[in-house]
C-alpha atoms as a PDB file:
ATOM      1  CA  MET A   1       0.000   0.000   0.000  1.00  0.00           C
ATOM      2  CA  ASN A   2       1.328   3.441  -0.953  1.00  0.00           C
ATOM      3  CA  GLU A   3       1.420   6.105   1.696  1.00  0.00           C
ATOM      4  CA  PRO A   4      -0.140   9.475   0.809  1.00  0.00           C
ATOM      5  CA  SER A   5       2.461  11.956  -0.304  1.00  0.00           C
ATOM      6  CA  SER A   6       3.346  14.631   2.197  1.00  0.00           C
ATOM      7  CA  PRO A   7       4.635  18.134   1.544  1.00  0.00           C
ATOM      8  CA  ALA A   8       8.354  18.269   0.861  1.00  0.00           C
ATOM      9  CA  VAL A   9      10.936  20.964   1.401  1.00  0.00           C
ATOM     10  CA  GLN A  10      12.294  21.959  -2.000  1.00  0.00           C
ATOM     11  CA  ALA A  11      15.323  23.962  -3.064  1.00  0.00           C
ATOM     12  CA  VAL A  12      15.157  26.036  -6.235  1.00  0.00           C
ATOM     13  CA  ARG A  13      18.212  27.339  -8.069  1.00  0.00           C
ATOM     14  CA  PRO A  14      17.113  29.548 -10.967  1.00  0.00           C
ATOM     15  CA  ASP A  15      19.281  28.581 -13.904  1.00  0.00           C
ATOM     16  CA  ARG A  16      17.965  30.842 -16.626  1.00  0.00           C
ATOM     17  CA  GLU A  17      16.604  34.314 -17.138  1.00  0.00           C
ATOM     18  CA  VAL A  18      12.962  34.696 -18.173  1.00  0.00           C
ATOM     19  CA  MET A  19      11.554  37.907 -19.666  1.00  0.00           C
ATOM     20  CA  SER A  20       8.570  38.979 -17.563  1.00  0.00           C
ATOM     21  CA  THR A  21       5.335  40.578 -18.736  1.00  0.00           C
ATOM     22  CA  GLN A  22       6.740  43.790 -17.236  1.00  0.00           C
ATOM     23  CA  ARG A  23       9.642  43.452 -19.724  1.00  0.00           C
ATOM     24  CA  LEU A  24      12.303  42.862 -17.073  1.00  0.00           C
ATOM     25  CA  PRO A  25      14.575  39.829 -16.658  1.00  0.00           C
ATOM     26  CA  TYR A  26      13.376  37.505 -13.870  1.00  0.00           C
ATOM     27  CA  PHE A  27      14.970  34.479 -12.319  1.00  0.00           C
ATOM     28  CA  THR A  28      11.980  32.382 -11.278  1.00  0.00           C
ATOM     29  CA  GLY A  29      12.197  31.011  -7.763  1.00  0.00           C
ATOM     30  CA  ILE A  30       9.127  29.927  -5.834  1.00  0.00           C
ATOM     31  CA  SER A  31       5.737  29.707  -7.535  1.00  0.00           C
ATOM     32  CA  GLY A  32       2.857  27.377  -8.182  1.00  0.00           C
ATOM     33  CA  ARG A  33       4.642  26.139 -11.300  1.00  0.00           C
ATOM     34  CA  THR A  34       8.071  25.516  -9.763  1.00  0.00           C
ATOM     35  CA  VAL A  35       7.254  23.967  -6.383  1.00  0.00           C
ATOM     36  CA  GLY A  36       3.472  23.752  -6.182  1.00  0.00           C
ATOM     37  CA  ALA A  37       3.218  26.789  -3.873  1.00  0.00           C
ATOM     38  CA  THR A  38      -0.362  27.708  -2.981  1.00  0.00           C
ATOM     39  CA  GLY A  39       0.025  31.192  -1.518  1.00  0.00           C
ATOM     40  CA  LEU A  40       3.431  32.613  -2.446  1.00  0.00           C
ATOM     41  CA  ALA A  41       5.632  33.584  -5.374  1.00  0.00           C
ATOM     42  CA  MET A  42       9.223  34.756  -4.913  1.00  0.00           C
ATOM     43  CA  HIS A  43      11.702  35.735  -7.618  1.00  0.00           C
ATOM     44  CA  LEU A  44      14.868  37.687  -8.352  1.00  0.00           C
ATOM     45  CA  VAL A  45      14.382  40.624 -10.721  1.00  0.00           C
ATOM     46  CA  VAL A  46      17.226  42.369 -12.513  1.00  0.00           C
ATOM     47  CA  ILE A  47      16.772  45.845 -13.967  1.00  0.00           C
ATOM     48  CA  PRO A  48      19.558  46.458 -16.497  1.00  0.00           C
ATOM     49  CA  PRO A  49      21.463  49.767 -16.385  1.00  0.00           C
ATOM     50  CA  GLY A  50      19.192  52.644 -17.415  1.00  0.00           C
ATOM     51  CA  ALA A  51      16.249  50.303 -18.039  1.00  0.00           C
ATOM     52  CA  ALA A  52      12.647  50.535 -16.880  1.00  0.00           C
ATOM     53  CA  SER A  53       9.740  48.147 -16.601  1.00  0.00           C
ATOM     54  CA  GLN A  54       6.694  48.611 -18.755  1.00  0.00           C
ATOM     55  CA  PRO A  55       4.064  50.486 -16.691  1.00  0.00           C
ATOM     56  CA  HIS A  56       1.758  47.814 -15.305  1.00  0.00           C
ATOM     57  CA  VAL A  57      -0.671  46.783 -12.591  1.00  0.00           C
ATOM     58  CA  HIS A  58      -0.939  43.579 -10.531  1.00  0.00           C
ATOM     59  CA  LEU A  59      -4.474  42.230 -10.327  1.00  0.00           C
ATOM     60  CA  GLY A  60      -5.506  41.043  -6.863  1.00  0.00           C
ATOM     61  CA  TYR A  61      -2.212  40.463  -5.052  1.00  0.00           C
ATOM     62  CA  GLU A  62       0.296  42.347  -2.932  1.00  0.00           C
ATOM     63  CA  THR A  63       3.971  42.698  -3.789  1.00  0.00           C
ATOM     64  CA  GLY A  64       6.893  43.055  -1.396  1.00  0.00           C
ATOM     65  CA  ILE A  65      10.302  44.002  -2.781  1.00  0.00           C
ATOM     66  CA  TYR A  66      13.708  43.949  -1.096  1.00  0.00           C
ATOM     67  CA  VAL A  67      16.406  45.838  -3.014  1.00  0.00           C
ATOM     68  CA  LEU A  68      19.714  43.956  -2.994  1.00  0.00           C
ATOM     69  CA  GLU A  69      21.734  46.281  -5.242  1.00  0.00           C
ATOM     70  CA  GLY A  70      21.209  49.638  -6.885  1.00  0.00           C
ATOM     71  CA  ARG A  71      18.749  52.525  -6.706  1.00  0.00           C
ATOM     72  CA  VAL A  72      15.300  52.144  -8.225  1.00  0.00           C
ATOM     73  CA  GLU A  73      12.684  54.828  -8.733  1.00  0.00           C
ATOM     74  CA  THR A  74       9.134  53.491  -8.621  1.00  0.00           C
ATOM     75  CA  ARG A  75       6.583  55.761 -10.240  1.00  0.00           C
ATOM     76  CA  TRP A  76       3.022  54.977  -9.251  1.00  0.00           C
ATOM     77  CA  GLY A  77      -0.562  56.220  -9.496  1.00  0.00           C
ATOM     78  CA  GLU A  78      -3.132  56.565 -12.271  1.00  0.00           C
ATOM     79  CA  ARG A  79      -0.771  58.836 -14.248  1.00  0.00           C
ATOM     80  CA  LEU A  80       2.412  57.516 -12.593  1.00  0.00           C
ATOM     81  CA  GLN A  81       2.502  60.934 -10.949  1.00  0.00           C
ATOM     82  CA  HIS A  82       3.945  59.774  -7.585  1.00  0.00           C
ATOM     83  CA  SER A  83       7.487  58.582  -7.015  1.00  0.00           C
ATOM     84  CA  VAL A  84       9.577  56.791  -4.399  1.00  0.00           C
ATOM     85  CA  VAL A  85      13.257  55.825  -4.596  1.00  0.00           C
ATOM     86  CA  SER A  86      14.400  52.551  -3.034  1.00  0.00           C
ATOM     87  CA  GLU A  87      18.031  51.723  -2.341  1.00  0.00           C
ATOM     88  CA  ALA A  88      19.924  48.573  -1.416  1.00  0.00           C
ATOM     89  CA  GLY A  89      18.762  47.374   2.002  1.00  0.00           C
ATOM     90  CA  GLU A  90      15.251  48.855   1.719  1.00  0.00           C
ATOM     91  CA  PHE A  91      11.847  47.255   1.335  1.00  0.00           C
ATOM     92  CA  LEU A  92       9.033  48.471  -0.913  1.00  0.00           C
ATOM     93  CA  PHE A  93       5.333  47.520  -0.736  1.00  0.00           C
ATOM     94  CA  VAL A  94       3.025  47.694  -3.776  1.00  0.00           C
ATOM     95  CA  PRO A  95      -0.699  47.214  -3.005  1.00  0.00           C
ATOM     96  CA  PRO A  96      -2.905  45.317  -5.461  1.00  0.00           C
ATOM     97  CA  GLY A  97      -4.284  47.333  -8.369  1.00  0.00           C
ATOM     98  CA  VAL A  98      -1.828  50.256  -8.121  1.00  0.00           C
ATOM     99  CA  PRO A  99      -0.311  51.177 -11.512  1.00  0.00           C
ATOM    100  CA  HIS A 100       3.476  51.464 -11.283  1.00  0.00           C
ATOM    101  CA  GLN A 101       6.780  51.421 -13.147  1.00  0.00           C
ATOM    102  CA  ALA A 102      10.289  50.596 -11.879  1.00  0.00           C
ATOM    103  CA  ILE A 103      13.268  52.543 -13.256  1.00  0.00           C
ATOM    104  CA  ASN A 104      16.942  51.782 -12.625  1.00  0.00           C
ATOM    105  CA  LEU A 105      18.565  55.118 -11.780  1.00  0.00           C
ATOM    106  CA  SER A 106      22.066  53.944 -12.763  1.00  0.00           C
ATOM    107  CA  ALA A 107      23.240  54.116 -16.367  1.00  0.00           C
ATOM    108  CA  THR A 108      26.141  51.755 -15.636  1.00  0.00           C
ATOM    109  CA  GLU A 109      25.054  49.127 -13.064  1.00  0.00           C
ATOM    110  CA  ALA A 110      22.157  46.700 -12.847  1.00  0.00           C
ATOM    111  CA  ALA A 111      19.725  46.870  -9.944  1.00  0.00           C
ATOM    112  CA  ARG A 112      18.673  43.588  -8.300  1.00  0.00           C
ATOM    113  CA  ALA A 113      15.795  42.845  -5.976  1.00  0.00           C
ATOM    114  CA  VAL A 114      13.958  39.925  -4.404  1.00  0.00           C
ATOM    115  CA  VAL A 115      10.242  40.144  -5.196  1.00  0.00           C
ATOM    116  CA  ALA A 116       7.617  38.293  -3.130  1.00  0.00           C
ATOM    117  CA  ARG A 117       3.907  38.089  -3.897  1.00  0.00           C
ATOM    118  CA  ASN A 118       0.971  36.471  -2.147  1.00  0.00           C
ATOM    119  CA  ASP A 119      -0.224  34.665  -5.284  1.00  0.00           C
ATOM    120  CA  PRO A 120       1.592  31.619  -6.679  1.00  0.00           C
ATOM    121  CA  ALA A 121       0.249  32.348 -10.197  1.00  0.00           C
ATOM    122  CA  GLU A 122       1.006  36.079 -10.151  1.00  0.00           C
ATOM    123  CA  ALA A 123       2.744  36.078 -13.531  1.00  0.00           C
ATOM    124  CA  ASP A 124      -0.641  35.410 -15.147  1.00  0.00           C
ATOM    125  CA  LYS A 125      -2.230  38.465 -13.478  1.00  0.00           C
ATOM    126  CA  VAL A 126      -0.089  41.354 -14.704  1.00  0.00           C
ATOM    127  CA  GLN A 127      -1.713  43.911 -17.018  1.00  0.00           C
ATOM    128  CA  PRO A 128      -0.034  46.729 -18.972  1.00  0.00           C
ATOM    129  CA  TRP A 129      -0.932  50.265 -17.864  1.00  0.00           C
ATOM    130  CA  PRO A 130      -2.889  52.043 -19.080  1.00  0.00           C
ATOM    131  CA  PRO A 131      -5.210  49.201 -20.077  1.00  0.00           C
ATOM    132  CA  ALA A 132      -5.874  48.739 -23.771  1.00  0.00           C
ATOM    133  CA  ALA A 133      -9.050  50.414 -25.015  1.00  0.00           C
ATOM    134  CA  SER A 134     -11.910  47.953 -25.499  1.00  0.00           C
END
């Protein structure tokens, strides 16, 4: 008789870069797809020197960011009219449904951050901002 499977601790070593919907390189870590997570996604994002994400909005989930390297300006709001700068060692919180855009303030060095979200399928719930006209 087979015993029911029990949850297992799993290590993930991202081995390749994936271009995200936000048009930034991601190294996929924890998600529903990689480890069967049911309430969490966690990745490494790299913003190349002088690069910016496409303005976008996350539908229905929160995002926590910890900046490992660099300085990143996050513009946010309906017209991206607000701004906050995050530096290495700082956290940033993005509520669900808030339009935003991340911009690497360095023209010579990449910015890197760990991104955590409370939805294991978050990659499927990113929409460009402003939304396309219907």
